Amino acid sequence: MPSLYTRDLAERQRARWLKEYADTRLADGLLRRLFYQRSIRRRVFDELPEEGVITQALEA
């Protein structure tokens, strides 16, 4: 199986930065805000989503 990180230091640093960005910023906006509001609140808690939170997440 090929390595996820290359031997080139600059490319390896960029890959690690992208992974960290996806784990923090993207996950916060997509999963914690949008997915929770549109799916979890409605299906698990039988609550309406907060449209303001959804709009803010989409704009950010």
PDB file of N, CA and C in Angstrom:
ATOM      1  N   MET A   1       0.845  -1.169   0.000  1.00  0.00           N
ATOM      2  CA  MET A   1       0.000   0.000   0.000  1.00  0.00           C
ATOM      3  C   MET A   1       0.900   1.246   0.000  1.00  0.00           C
ATOM      4  N   PRO A   2       0.612   2.218  -0.859  1.00  0.00           N
ATOM      5  CA  PRO A   2       1.447   3.413  -0.908  1.00  0.00           C
ATOM      6  C   PRO A   2       1.230   4.294   0.323  1.00  0.00           C
ATOM      7  N   SER A   3       2.262   5.036   0.656  1.00  0.00           N
ATOM      8  CA  SER A   3       2.204   5.937   1.799  1.00  0.00           C
ATOM      9  C   SER A   3       1.318   7.140   1.487  1.00  0.00           C
ATOM     10  N   LEU A   4       0.619   7.631   2.485  1.00  0.00           N
ATOM     11  CA  LEU A   4      -0.200   8.828   2.304  1.00  0.00           C
ATOM     12  C   LEU A   4       0.659  10.084   2.191  1.00  0.00           C
ATOM     13  N   TYR A   5       1.811  10.049   2.806  1.00  0.00           N
ATOM     14  CA  TYR A   5       2.713  11.195   2.787  1.00  0.00           C
ATOM     15  C   TYR A   5       3.913  10.898   1.890  1.00  0.00           C
ATOM     16  N   THR A   6       4.295  11.891   1.115  1.00  0.00           N
ATOM     17  CA  THR A   6       5.439  11.730   0.225  1.00  0.00           C
ATOM     18  C   THR A   6       6.740  11.923   0.991  1.00  0.00           C
ATOM     19  N   ARG A   7       7.823  11.689   0.326  1.00  0.00           N
ATOM     20  CA  ARG A   7       9.125  11.905   0.951  1.00  0.00           C
ATOM     21  C   ARG A   7       9.529  13.374   0.927  1.00  0.00           C
ATOM     22  N   ASP A   8       8.913  14.134   0.026  1.00  0.00           N
ATOM     23  CA  ASP A   8       9.218  15.558  -0.074  1.00  0.00           C
ATOM     24  C   ASP A   8       8.662  16.286   1.157  1.00  0.00           C
ATOM     25  N   LEU A   9       9.532  16.987   1.876  1.00  0.00           N
ATOM     26  CA  LEU A   9       9.147  17.631   3.124  1.00  0.00           C
ATOM     27  C   LEU A   9       8.038  18.669   2.920  1.00  0.00           C
ATOM     28  N   ALA A  10       8.128  19.494   1.908  1.00  0.00           N
ATOM     29  CA  ALA A  10       7.122  20.534   1.675  1.00  0.00           C
ATOM     30  C   ALA A  10       5.756  19.918   1.355  1.00  0.00           C
ATOM     31  N   GLU A  11       5.733  18.886   0.540  1.00  0.00           N
ATOM     32  CA  GLU A  11       4.471  18.225   0.210  1.00  0.00           C
ATOM     33  C   GLU A  11       3.879  17.526   1.435  1.00  0.00           C
ATOM     34  N   ARG A  12       4.749  16.954   2.249  1.00  0.00           N
ATOM     35  CA  ARG A  12       4.295  16.269   3.463  1.00  0.00           C
ATOM     36  C   ARG A  12       3.698  17.277   4.448  1.00  0.00           C
ATOM     37  N   GLN A  13       4.326  18.447   4.577  1.00  0.00           N
ATOM     38  CA  GLN A  13       3.798  19.482   5.462  1.00  0.00           C
ATOM     39  C   GLN A  13       2.454  19.994   4.958  1.00  0.00           C
ATOM     40  N   ARG A  14       2.322  20.168   3.655  1.00  0.00           N
ATOM     41  CA  ARG A  14       1.053  20.629   3.092  1.00  0.00           C
ATOM     42  C   ARG A  14      -0.047  19.591   3.321  1.00  0.00           C
ATOM     43  N   ALA A  15       0.269  18.319   3.151  1.00  0.00           N
ATOM     44  CA  ALA A  15      -0.713  17.255   3.377  1.00  0.00           C
ATOM     45  C   ALA A  15      -1.158  17.247   4.835  1.00  0.00           C
ATOM     46  N   ARG A  16      -0.231  17.437   5.748  1.00  0.00           N
ATOM     47  CA  ARG A  16      -0.590  17.477   7.169  1.00  0.00           C
ATOM     48  C   ARG A  16      -1.445  18.699   7.487  1.00  0.00           C
ATOM     49  N   TRP A  17      -1.142  19.838   6.856  1.00  0.00           N
ATOM     50  CA  TRP A  17      -1.933  21.047   7.059  1.00  0.00           C
ATOM     51  C   TRP A  17      -3.360  20.829   6.553  1.00  0.00           C
ATOM     52  N   LEU A  18      -3.495  20.232   5.363  1.00  0.00           N
ATOM     53  CA  LEU A  18      -4.823  19.976   4.809  1.00  0.00           C
ATOM     54  C   LEU A  18      -5.626  19.011   5.686  1.00  0.00           C
ATOM     55  N   LYS A  19      -4.966  18.003   6.200  1.00  0.00           N
ATOM     56  CA  LYS A  19      -5.635  17.053   7.096  1.00  0.00           C
ATOM     57  C   LYS A  19      -6.113  17.758   8.355  1.00  0.00           C
ATOM     58  N   GLU A  20      -5.283  18.578   8.940  1.00  0.00           N
ATOM     59  CA  GLU A  20      -5.666  19.311  10.145  1.00  0.00           C
ATOM     60  C   GLU A  20      -6.818  20.275   9.861  1.00  0.00           C
ATOM     61  N   TYR A  21      -6.759  20.952   8.722  1.00  0.00           N
ATOM     62  CA  TYR A  21      -7.827  21.873   8.317  1.00  0.00           C
ATOM     63  C   TYR A  21      -9.150  21.114   8.165  1.00  0.00           C
ATOM     64  N   ALA A  22      -9.103  19.985   7.512  1.00  0.00           N
ATOM     65  CA  ALA A  22     -10.313  19.188   7.325  1.00  0.00           C
ATOM     66  C   ALA A  22     -10.850  18.676   8.665  1.00  0.00           C
ATOM     67  N   ASP A  23      -9.968  18.288   9.562  1.00  0.00           N
ATOM     68  CA  ASP A  23     -10.385  17.758  10.861  1.00  0.00           C
ATOM     69  C   ASP A  23     -10.966  18.832  11.776  1.00  0.00           C
ATOM     70  N   THR A  24     -10.537  20.065  11.617  1.00  0.00           N
ATOM     71  CA  THR A  24     -10.981  21.111  12.534  1.00  0.00           C
ATOM     72  C   THR A  24     -12.010  22.030  11.889  1.00  0.00           C
ATOM     73  N   ARG A  25     -11.603  22.827  10.946  1.00  0.00           N
ATOM     74  CA  ARG A  25     -12.489  23.847  10.366  1.00  0.00           C
ATOM     75  C   ARG A  25     -13.639  23.244   9.562  1.00  0.00           C
ATOM     76  N   LEU A  26     -13.327  22.342   8.663  1.00  0.00           N
ATOM     77  CA  LEU A  26     -14.384  21.758   7.839  1.00  0.00           C
ATOM     78  C   LEU A  26     -15.328  20.889   8.664  1.00  0.00           C
ATOM     79  N   ALA A  27     -14.764  20.113   9.557  1.00  0.00           N
ATOM     80  CA  ALA A  27     -15.603  19.252  10.393  1.00  0.00           C
ATOM     81  C   ALA A  27     -16.530  20.090  11.261  1.00  0.00           C
ATOM     82  N   ASP A  28     -16.020  21.197  11.774  1.00  0.00           N
ATOM     83  CA  ASP A  28     -16.857  22.057  12.609  1.00  0.00           C
ATOM     84  C   ASP A  28     -18.025  22.599  11.802  1.00  0.00           C
ATOM     85  N   GLY A  29     -17.763  23.105  10.621  1.00  0.00           N
ATOM     86  CA  GLY A  29     -18.827  23.689   9.808  1.00  0.00           C
ATOM     87  C   GLY A  29     -19.776  22.670   9.227  1.00  0.00           C
ATOM     88  N   LEU A  30     -19.234  21.625   8.677  1.00  0.00           N
ATOM     89  CA  LEU A  30     -20.073  20.647   7.989  1.00  0.00           C
ATOM     90  C   LEU A  30     -20.763  19.675   8.929  1.00  0.00           C
ATOM     91  N   LEU A  31     -20.015  19.076   9.806  1.00  0.00           N
ATOM     92  CA  LEU A  31     -20.596  18.047  10.666  1.00  0.00           C
ATOM     93  C   LEU A  31     -21.312  18.622  11.866  1.00  0.00           C
ATOM     94  N   ARG A  32     -20.608  19.421  12.622  1.00  0.00           N
ATOM     95  CA  ARG A  32     -21.171  19.884  13.883  1.00  0.00           C
ATOM     96  C   ARG A  32     -22.296  20.874  13.696  1.00  0.00           C
ATOM     97  N   ARG A  33     -22.259  21.620  12.624  1.00  0.00           N
ATOM     98  CA  ARG A  33     -23.316  22.613  12.427  1.00  0.00           C
ATOM     99  C   ARG A  33     -24.373  22.123  11.443  1.00  0.00           C
ATOM    100  N   LEU A  34     -23.982  21.908  10.207  1.00  0.00           N
ATOM    101  CA  LEU A  34     -24.971  21.562   9.182  1.00  0.00           C
ATOM    102  C   LEU A  34     -25.603  20.197   9.414  1.00  0.00           C
ATOM    103  N   PHE A  35     -24.798  19.167   9.547  1.00  0.00           N
ATOM    104  CA  PHE A  35     -25.331  17.811   9.719  1.00  0.00           C
ATOM    105  C   PHE A  35     -26.178  17.718  10.980  1.00  0.00           C
ATOM    106  N   TYR A  36     -25.683  18.289  12.061  1.00  0.00           N
ATOM    107  CA  TYR A  36     -26.444  18.237  13.308  1.00  0.00           C
ATOM    108  C   TYR A  36     -27.782  18.945  13.142  1.00  0.00           C
ATOM    109  N   GLN A  37     -27.761  20.142  12.564  1.00  0.00           N
ATOM    110  CA  GLN A  37     -28.992  20.911  12.417  1.00  0.00           C
ATOM    111  C   GLN A  37     -29.975  20.245  11.456  1.00  0.00           C
ATOM    112  N   ARG A  38     -29.492  19.770  10.351  1.00  0.00           N
ATOM    113  CA  ARG A  38     -30.395  19.239   9.323  1.00  0.00           C
ATOM    114  C   ARG A  38     -30.803  17.794   9.552  1.00  0.00           C
ATOM    115  N   SER A  39     -30.023  17.032  10.255  1.00  0.00           N
ATOM    116  CA  SER A  39     -30.340  15.606  10.423  1.00  0.00           C
ATOM    117  C   SER A  39     -30.600  15.203  11.864  1.00  0.00           C
ATOM    118  N   ILE A  40     -29.646  15.445  12.724  1.00  0.00           N
ATOM    119  CA  ILE A  40     -29.737  14.945  14.094  1.00  0.00           C
ATOM    120  C   ILE A  40     -30.883  15.597  14.861  1.00  0.00           C
ATOM    121  N   ARG A  41     -30.960  16.928  14.805  1.00  0.00           N
ATOM    122  CA  ARG A  41     -32.038  17.602  15.546  1.00  0.00           C
ATOM    123  C   ARG A  41     -33.404  17.093  15.111  1.00  0.00           C
ATOM    124  N   ARG A  42     -33.595  16.941  13.827  1.00  0.00           N
ATOM    125  CA  ARG A  42     -34.898  16.542  13.302  1.00  0.00           C
ATOM    126  C   ARG A  42     -35.203  15.074  13.598  1.00  0.00           C
ATOM    127  N   ARG A  43     -34.268  14.204  13.315  1.00  0.00           N
ATOM    128  CA  ARG A  43     -34.537  12.765  13.406  1.00  0.00           C
ATOM    129  C   ARG A  43     -34.355  12.173  14.801  1.00  0.00           C
ATOM    130  N   VAL A  44     -33.407  12.699  15.543  1.00  0.00           N
ATOM    131  CA  VAL A  44     -33.136  12.139  16.869  1.00  0.00           C
ATOM    132  C   VAL A  44     -33.943  12.851  17.949  1.00  0.00           C
ATOM    133  N   PHE A  45     -33.956  14.191  17.891  1.00  0.00           N
ATOM    134  CA  PHE A  45     -34.604  14.960  18.949  1.00  0.00           C
ATOM    135  C   PHE A  45     -35.985  15.477  18.555  1.00  0.00           C
ATOM    136  N   ASP A  46     -36.405  15.214  17.331  1.00  0.00           N
ATOM    137  CA  ASP A  46     -37.697  15.680  16.824  1.00  0.00           C
ATOM    138  C   ASP A  46     -37.869  17.187  17.015  1.00  0.00           C
ATOM    139  N   GLU A  47     -36.789  17.933  16.707  1.00  0.00           N
ATOM    140  CA  GLU A  47     -36.785  19.394  16.795  1.00  0.00           C
ATOM    141  C   GLU A  47     -36.540  19.975  15.419  1.00  0.00           C
ATOM    142  N   LEU A  48     -37.028  21.170  15.199  1.00  0.00           N
ATOM    143  CA  LEU A  48     -36.747  21.861  13.943  1.00  0.00           C
ATOM    144  C   LEU A  48     -35.325  22.407  13.972  1.00  0.00           C
ATOM    145  N   PRO A  49     -34.664  22.421  12.830  1.00  0.00           N
ATOM    146  CA  PRO A  49     -33.310  22.978  12.792  1.00  0.00           C
ATOM    147  C   PRO A  49     -33.344  24.488  13.012  1.00  0.00           C
ATOM    148  N   GLU A  50     -32.256  25.013  13.526  1.00  0.00           N
ATOM    149  CA  GLU A  50     -32.104  26.451  13.701  1.00  0.00           C
ATOM    150  C   GLU A  50     -31.561  27.015  12.394  1.00  0.00           C
ATOM    151  N   GLU A  51     -32.396  27.676  11.638  1.00  0.00           N
ATOM    152  CA  GLU A  51     -32.019  28.182  10.317  1.00  0.00           C
ATOM    153  C   GLU A  51     -30.886  29.204  10.394  1.00  0.00           C
ATOM    154  N   GLY A  52     -30.825  29.966  11.478  1.00  0.00           N
ATOM    155  CA  GLY A  52     -29.740  30.936  11.637  1.00  0.00           C
ATOM    156  C   GLY A  52     -28.375  30.268  11.725  1.00  0.00           C
ATOM    157  N   VAL A  53     -28.318  29.145  12.404  1.00  0.00           N
ATOM    158  CA  VAL A  53     -27.056  28.393  12.518  1.00  0.00           C
ATOM    159  C   VAL A  53     -26.666  27.837  11.151  1.00  0.00           C
ATOM    160  N   ILE A  54     -27.638  27.337  10.410  1.00  0.00           N
ATOM    161  CA  ILE A  54     -27.381  26.794   9.072  1.00  0.00           C
ATOM    162  C   ILE A  54     -26.884  27.895   8.143  1.00  0.00           C
ATOM    163  N   THR A  55     -27.549  29.032   8.147  1.00  0.00           N
ATOM    164  CA  THR A  55     -27.145  30.154   7.288  1.00  0.00           C
ATOM    165  C   THR A  55     -25.745  30.623   7.634  1.00  0.00           C
ATOM    166  N   GLN A  56     -25.452  30.751   8.906  1.00  0.00           N
ATOM    167  CA  GLN A  56     -24.128  31.193   9.334  1.00  0.00           C
ATOM    168  C   GLN A  56     -23.050  30.200   8.906  1.00  0.00           C
ATOM    169  N   ALA A  57     -23.316  28.927   9.049  1.00  0.00           N
ATOM    170  CA  ALA A  57     -22.342  27.898   8.660  1.00  0.00           C
ATOM    171  C   ALA A  57     -22.104  27.934   7.151  1.00  0.00           C
ATOM    172  N   LEU A  58     -23.155  28.111   6.369  1.00  0.00           N
ATOM    173  CA  LEU A  58     -22.992  28.149   4.920  1.00  0.00           C
ATOM    174  C   LEU A  58     -22.223  29.391   4.470  1.00  0.00           C
ATOM    175  N   GLU A  59     -22.434  30.512   5.140  1.00  0.00           N
ATOM    176  CA  GLU A  59     -21.719  31.737   4.792  1.00  0.00           C
ATOM    177  C   GLU A  59     -20.260  31.679   5.185  1.00  0.00           C
ATOM    178  N   ALA A  60     -19.972  31.002   6.296  1.00  0.00           N
ATOM    179  CA  ALA A  60     -18.582  30.914   6.760  1.00  0.00           C
ATOM    180  C   ALA A  60     -17.819  29.956   5.893  1.00  0.00           C
TER     181      ALA A  60
END
